[in-house]
C-alpha cells in the first residue's frame, strides 16, 4: 500500500544540497532592494503630487469662493460708494437694497479678505491656510450707467515648511456690474 519512489544518485545530490550560494544570496538581495527602493520612490512621488494637488485646490477654491461672493454682492447693490469713478482702491464700499447692510465693505487685513455689512463685525472670507495680497478694486463705471467693478487679488498658500509641494500662488481677477 505504500508507494516508494526511486530516486537516482544524481537527484539525491540535488535534494541533499541545502541553502543558497553566496552569489545567489547577493543576487536575491540586490533584486529585492531594487524593487523596494523603486516602490518607495514611487510612493514618495505620489504623496508629493497629492500634497501639491491639495495645495492648488485650496488656493483655487478660496479664490473662486471670494470672487463669487464679491461679484454677487456687487450685482445686488444699488450704488458704489468707493472707489470713485475711474479710480482704484484696496477697499470696496457699496450700498445694497437691504438698508441694515449699508454700507457693505470689502477689504484685506492681515492677509485675510474681509466683508463687513452695516454696523456688524467684519467676517473673514479666507482661512488661515492662505494669505491674500494685492487686493485692488477698480471702478470702471461711466456716467449714467450701472456701476462696474473690476476685482484683482493674489492668494498664496502659507508654506511654513519651505517644501516645494506646499508652494503655490494664483492671481484672481474678474468684474461685476450693478443690475
C-alpha atoms as a PDB file:
ATOM      1  CA  UNK A   1       0.000   0.000   0.000  1.00  0.00           C
ATOM      2  CA  UNK A   2       2.857   2.384   0.391  1.00  0.00           C
ATOM      3  CA  UNK A   3       4.355   3.999  -2.623  1.00  0.00           C
ATOM      4  CA  UNK A   4       8.045   4.035  -2.918  1.00  0.00           C
ATOM      5  CA  UNK A   5       9.818   6.500  -5.069  1.00  0.00           C
ATOM      6  CA  UNK A   6      13.071   5.595  -6.577  1.00  0.00           C
ATOM      7  CA  UNK A   7      15.492   8.484  -6.694  1.00  0.00           C
ATOM      8  CA  UNK A   8      18.700   8.229  -8.608  1.00  0.00           C
ATOM      9  CA  UNK A   9      22.049   9.167  -7.097  1.00  0.00           C
ATOM     10  CA  UNK A  10      22.184  12.238  -9.290  1.00  0.00           C
ATOM     11  CA  UNK A  11      18.910  13.529  -7.914  1.00  0.00           C
ATOM     12  CA  UNK A  12      19.854  12.630  -4.345  1.00  0.00           C
ATOM     13  CA  UNK A  13      22.707  15.089  -4.566  1.00  0.00           C
ATOM     14  CA  UNK A  14      20.326  17.825  -5.711  1.00  0.00           C
ATOM     15  CA  UNK A  15      17.917  17.141  -2.867  1.00  0.00           C
ATOM     16  CA  UNK A  16      20.699  16.901  -0.319  1.00  0.00           C
ATOM     17  CA  UNK A  17      22.011  20.360  -1.116  1.00  0.00           C
ATOM     18  CA  UNK A  18      20.635  22.891   1.413  1.00  0.00           C
ATOM     19  CA  UNK A  19      20.772  26.721   1.392  1.00  0.00           C
ATOM     20  CA  UNK A  20      21.964  29.190  -1.175  1.00  0.00           C
ATOM     21  CA  UNK A  21      25.349  30.026  -2.540  1.00  0.00           C
ATOM     22  CA  UNK A  22      26.778  33.438  -1.786  1.00  0.00           C
ATOM     23  CA  UNK A  23      26.236  34.571  -5.386  1.00  0.00           C
ATOM     24  CA  UNK A  24      22.573  33.538  -5.299  1.00  0.00           C
ATOM     25  CA  UNK A  25      22.067  35.300  -1.986  1.00  0.00           C
ATOM     26  CA  UNK A  26      23.655  38.518  -3.267  1.00  0.00           C
ATOM     27  CA  UNK A  27      21.552  38.361  -6.413  1.00  0.00           C
ATOM     28  CA  UNK A  28      18.323  37.948  -4.435  1.00  0.00           C
ATOM     29  CA  UNK A  29      19.231  40.782  -2.045  1.00  0.00           C
ATOM     30  CA  UNK A  30      20.041  43.081  -4.989  1.00  0.00           C
ATOM     31  CA  UNK A  31      16.762  42.312  -6.754  1.00  0.00           C
ATOM     32  CA  UNK A  32      14.679  42.767  -3.604  1.00  0.00           C
ATOM     33  CA  UNK A  33      16.413  46.019  -2.639  1.00  0.00           C
ATOM     34  CA  UNK A  34      15.924  47.379  -6.179  1.00  0.00           C
ATOM     35  CA  UNK A  35      12.213  46.539  -6.015  1.00  0.00           C
ATOM     36  CA  UNK A  36      11.810  48.074  -2.545  1.00  0.00           C
ATOM     37  CA  UNK A  37      13.658  51.275  -3.469  1.00  0.00           C
ATOM     38  CA  UNK A  38      11.537  51.648  -6.624  1.00  0.00           C
ATOM     39  CA  UNK A  39       8.326  51.201  -4.642  1.00  0.00           C
ATOM     40  CA  UNK A  40       9.473  53.728  -2.018  1.00  0.00           C
ATOM     41  CA  UNK A  41      10.455  56.254  -4.713  1.00  0.00           C
ATOM     42  CA  UNK A  42       7.073  55.978  -6.449  1.00  0.00           C
ATOM     43  CA  UNK A  43       5.232  56.186  -3.120  1.00  0.00           C
ATOM     44  CA  UNK A  44       7.048  59.393  -2.184  1.00  0.00           C
ATOM     45  CA  UNK A  45       6.375  60.854  -5.636  1.00  0.00           C
ATOM     46  CA  UNK A  46       2.678  60.020  -5.376  1.00  0.00           C
ATOM     47  CA  UNK A  47       2.438  61.571  -1.890  1.00  0.00           C
ATOM     48  CA  UNK A  48       4.180  64.755  -3.056  1.00  0.00           C
ATOM     49  CA  UNK A  49       1.813  65.015  -6.039  1.00  0.00           C
ATOM     50  CA  UNK A  50      -1.193  64.548  -3.763  1.00  0.00           C
ATOM     51  CA  UNK A  51       0.010  67.288  -1.409  1.00  0.00           C
ATOM     52  CA  UNK A  52       0.676  69.637  -4.354  1.00  0.00           C
ATOM     53  CA  UNK A  53      -2.814  68.977  -5.744  1.00  0.00           C
ATOM     54  CA  UNK A  54      -4.376  69.679  -2.342  1.00  0.00           C
ATOM     55  CA  UNK A  55      -2.417  72.922  -2.093  1.00  0.00           C
ATOM     56  CA  UNK A  56      -3.562  74.058  -5.545  1.00  0.00           C
ATOM     57  CA  UNK A  57      -7.158  73.052  -4.795  1.00  0.00           C
ATOM     58  CA  UNK A  58      -7.138  75.022  -1.524  1.00  0.00           C
ATOM     59  CA  UNK A  59      -5.944  78.215  -3.231  1.00  0.00           C
ATOM     60  CA  UNK A  60      -8.315  77.854  -6.178  1.00  0.00           C
ATOM     61  CA  UNK A  61     -11.317  77.020  -4.005  1.00  0.00           C
ATOM     62  CA  UNK A  62     -10.823  80.043  -1.763  1.00  0.00           C
ATOM     63  CA  UNK A  63     -10.140  82.373  -4.694  1.00  0.00           C
ATOM     64  CA  UNK A  64     -13.232  81.295  -6.610  1.00  0.00           C
ATOM     65  CA  UNK A  65     -15.382  81.484  -3.478  1.00  0.00           C
ATOM     66  CA  UNK A  66     -14.234  85.019  -2.632  1.00  0.00           C
ATOM     67  CA  UNK A  67     -14.684  86.150  -6.234  1.00  0.00           C
ATOM     68  CA  UNK A  68     -18.234  84.748  -6.299  1.00  0.00           C
ATOM     69  CA  UNK A  69     -19.171  86.467  -3.019  1.00  0.00           C
ATOM     70  CA  UNK A  70     -17.826  89.825  -4.202  1.00  0.00           C
ATOM     71  CA  UNK A  71     -19.480  89.532  -7.633  1.00  0.00           C
ATOM     72  CA  UNK A  72     -22.829  88.535  -6.126  1.00  0.00           C
ATOM     73  CA  UNK A  73     -22.698  91.404  -3.646  1.00  0.00           C
ATOM     74  CA  UNK A  74     -21.850  93.886  -6.417  1.00  0.00           C
ATOM     75  CA  UNK A  75     -24.742  92.605  -8.543  1.00  0.00           C
ATOM     76  CA  UNK A  76     -27.143  93.014  -5.614  1.00  0.00           C
ATOM     77  CA  UNK A  77     -26.003  96.559  -4.775  1.00  0.00           C
ATOM     78  CA  UNK A  78     -27.702  99.846  -5.577  1.00  0.00           C
ATOM     79  CA  UNK A  79     -24.609 102.046  -5.855  1.00  0.00           C
ATOM     80  CA  UNK A  80     -20.846 102.165  -5.303  1.00  0.00           C
ATOM     81  CA  UNK A  81     -19.550 104.458  -2.545  1.00  0.00           C
ATOM     82  CA  UNK A  82     -15.823 103.832  -3.041  1.00  0.00           C
ATOM     83  CA  UNK A  83     -13.673 103.795  -5.076  1.00  0.00           C
ATOM     84  CA  UNK A  84     -14.856 106.778  -7.112  1.00  0.00           C
ATOM     85  CA  UNK A  85     -15.454 106.510 -10.860  1.00  0.00           C
ATOM     86  CA  UNK A  86     -12.246 105.826 -12.770  1.00  0.00           C
ATOM     87  CA  UNK A  87     -10.127 105.172  -9.659  1.00  0.00           C
ATOM     88  CA  UNK A  88      -8.743 102.152  -7.831  1.00  0.00           C
ATOM     89  CA  UNK A  89      -8.566 101.336  -4.134  1.00  0.00           C
ATOM     90  CA  UNK A  90      -7.872  98.464  -1.755  1.00  0.00           C
ATOM     91  CA  UNK A  91     -11.360  98.839  -0.253  1.00  0.00           C
ATOM     92  CA  UNK A  92     -14.780  98.488  -1.877  1.00  0.00           C
ATOM     93  CA  UNK A  93     -17.790 100.152  -0.253  1.00  0.00           C
ATOM     94  CA  UNK A  94     -21.332  99.731  -1.628  1.00  0.00           C
ATOM     95  CA  UNK A  95     -24.939 100.256  -0.654  1.00  0.00           C
ATOM     96  CA  UNK A  96     -27.309  97.308  -1.020  1.00  0.00           C
ATOM     97  CA  UNK A  97     -31.084  97.005  -1.228  1.00  0.00           C
ATOM     98  CA  UNK A  98     -31.101  95.957   2.435  1.00  0.00           C
ATOM     99  CA  UNK A  99     -30.647  99.124   4.481  1.00  0.00           C
ATOM    100  CA  UNK A 100     -29.247  97.326   7.536  1.00  0.00           C
ATOM    101  CA  UNK A 101     -26.341  96.036   5.399  1.00  0.00           C
ATOM    102  CA  UNK A 102     -25.262  99.534   4.336  1.00  0.00           C
ATOM    103  CA  UNK A 103     -22.512 100.095   3.726  1.00  0.00           C
ATOM    104  CA  UNK A 104     -21.138  96.709   2.670  1.00  0.00           C
ATOM    105  CA  UNK A 105     -17.345  96.887   2.698  1.00  0.00           C
ATOM    106  CA  UNK A 106     -14.690  94.508   1.341  1.00  0.00           C
ATOM    107  CA  UNK A 107     -11.048  94.924   2.369  1.00  0.00           C
ATOM    108  CA  UNK A 108      -7.935  92.971   3.292  1.00  0.00           C
ATOM    109  CA  UNK A 109      -6.460  92.922   6.778  1.00  0.00           C
ATOM    110  CA  UNK A 110      -3.606  90.715   7.934  1.00  0.00           C
ATOM    111  CA  UNK A 111      -3.658  88.786   4.661  1.00  0.00           C
ATOM    112  CA  UNK A 112      -7.369  87.969   5.006  1.00  0.00           C
ATOM    113  CA  UNK A 113     -10.155  89.308   2.788  1.00  0.00           C
ATOM    114  CA  UNK A 114     -12.991  90.548   4.985  1.00  0.00           C
ATOM    115  CA  UNK A 115     -16.600  91.563   4.402  1.00  0.00           C
ATOM    116  CA  UNK A 116     -18.388  93.972   6.711  1.00  0.00           C
ATOM    117  CA  UNK A 117     -22.124  94.596   6.414  1.00  0.00           C
ATOM    118  CA  UNK A 118     -23.552  97.671   8.083  1.00  0.00           C
ATOM    119  CA  UNK A 119     -22.574  98.038  11.730  1.00  0.00           C
ATOM    120  CA  UNK A 120     -21.683  94.355  12.062  1.00  0.00           C
ATOM    121  CA  UNK A 121     -18.227  92.970  12.645  1.00  0.00           C
ATOM    122  CA  UNK A 122     -16.001  92.106   9.677  1.00  0.00           C
ATOM    123  CA  UNK A 123     -16.307  88.467   8.583  1.00  0.00           C
ATOM    124  CA  UNK A 124     -13.215  86.744   7.132  1.00  0.00           C
ATOM    125  CA  UNK A 125     -13.767  85.254   3.672  1.00  0.00           C
ATOM    126  CA  UNK A 126     -10.451  83.358   3.547  1.00  0.00           C
ATOM    127  CA  UNK A 127      -8.976  80.999   6.109  1.00  0.00           C
ATOM    128  CA  UNK A 128      -5.619  80.786   7.873  1.00  0.00           C
ATOM    129  CA  UNK A 129      -4.057  78.401   5.320  1.00  0.00           C
ATOM    130  CA  UNK A 130      -3.717  81.145   2.710  1.00  0.00           C
ATOM    131  CA  UNK A 131      -2.712  84.785   2.594  1.00  0.00           C
ATOM    132  CA  UNK A 132      -4.144  87.460   0.314  1.00  0.00           C
ATOM    133  CA  UNK A 133      -2.171  90.304  -1.206  1.00  0.00           C
ATOM    134  CA  UNK A 134      -2.632  92.918  -3.884  1.00  0.00           C
ATOM    135  CA  UNK A 135      -6.379  93.351  -3.403  1.00  0.00           C
ATOM    136  CA  UNK A 136      -7.486  96.047  -5.851  1.00  0.00           C
ATOM    137  CA  UNK A 137     -10.946  97.292  -6.716  1.00  0.00           C
ATOM    138  CA  UNK A 138     -11.177  99.427  -9.837  1.00  0.00           C
ATOM    139  CA  UNK A 139     -14.354 101.392 -10.541  1.00  0.00           C
ATOM    140  CA  UNK A 140     -14.869 101.179 -14.320  1.00  0.00           C
ATOM    141  CA  UNK A 141     -18.248 102.924 -14.214  1.00  0.00           C
ATOM    142  CA  UNK A 142     -19.187 105.688 -16.643  1.00  0.00           C
ATOM    143  CA  UNK A 143     -21.704 108.432 -16.098  1.00  0.00           C
ATOM    144  CA  UNK A 144     -25.353 107.372 -16.389  1.00  0.00           C
ATOM    145  CA  UNK A 145     -24.522 103.629 -16.490  1.00  0.00           C
ATOM    146  CA  UNK A 146     -24.774 100.899 -13.867  1.00  0.00           C
ATOM    147  CA  UNK A 147     -21.600 100.622 -11.842  1.00  0.00           C
ATOM    148  CA  UNK A 148     -18.876  98.189 -12.912  1.00  0.00           C
ATOM    149  CA  UNK A 149     -16.188  96.982 -10.532  1.00  0.00           C
ATOM    150  CA  UNK A 150     -13.046  95.096 -11.522  1.00  0.00           C
ATOM    151  CA  UNK A 151     -11.515  92.975  -8.743  1.00  0.00           C
ATOM    152  CA  UNK A 152      -7.995  91.578  -8.595  1.00  0.00           C
ATOM    153  CA  UNK A 153      -6.102  89.824  -5.808  1.00  0.00           C
ATOM    154  CA  UNK A 154      -3.408  87.210  -5.257  1.00  0.00           C
ATOM    155  CA  UNK A 155      -3.835  84.212  -2.972  1.00  0.00           C
ATOM    156  CA  UNK A 156      -0.728  82.401  -1.751  1.00  0.00           C
ATOM    157  CA  UNK A 157      -0.684  79.155   0.215  1.00  0.00           C
ATOM    158  CA  UNK A 158       1.142  79.622   3.510  1.00  0.00           C
ATOM    159  CA  UNK A 159       4.247  77.463   3.225  1.00  0.00           C
ATOM    160  CA  UNK A 160       5.756  77.174   6.702  1.00  0.00           C
ATOM    161  CA  UNK A 161       7.830  74.115   5.829  1.00  0.00           C
ATOM    162  CA  UNK A 162       9.601  75.595   2.807  1.00  0.00           C
ATOM    163  CA  UNK A 163       8.902  72.419   0.829  1.00  0.00           C
ATOM    164  CA  UNK A 164       8.212  72.901  -2.882  1.00  0.00           C
ATOM    165  CA  UNK A 165       4.974  70.917  -2.930  1.00  0.00           C
ATOM    166  CA  UNK A 166       3.412  73.386  -0.463  1.00  0.00           C
ATOM    167  CA  UNK A 167       4.255  76.450  -2.543  1.00  0.00           C
ATOM    168  CA  UNK A 168       1.514  77.857  -4.761  1.00  0.00           C
ATOM    169  CA  UNK A 169       0.189  81.289  -5.618  1.00  0.00           C
ATOM    170  CA  UNK A 170      -2.504  82.429  -8.039  1.00  0.00           C
ATOM    171  CA  UNK A 171      -3.852  85.762  -9.246  1.00  0.00           C
ATOM    172  CA  UNK A 172      -7.635  86.080  -9.462  1.00  0.00           C
ATOM    173  CA  UNK A 173      -9.362  88.791 -11.439  1.00  0.00           C
ATOM    174  CA  UNK A 174     -12.878  89.445 -12.571  1.00  0.00           C
ATOM    175  CA  UNK A 175     -15.535  92.070 -12.870  1.00  0.00           C
ATOM    176  CA  UNK A 176     -19.165  92.544 -11.922  1.00  0.00           C
ATOM    177  CA  UNK A 177     -21.752  95.188 -12.624  1.00  0.00           C
ATOM    178  CA  UNK A 178     -24.691  96.501 -10.687  1.00  0.00           C
ATOM    179  CA  UNK A 179     -28.069  95.411 -12.029  1.00  0.00           C
END
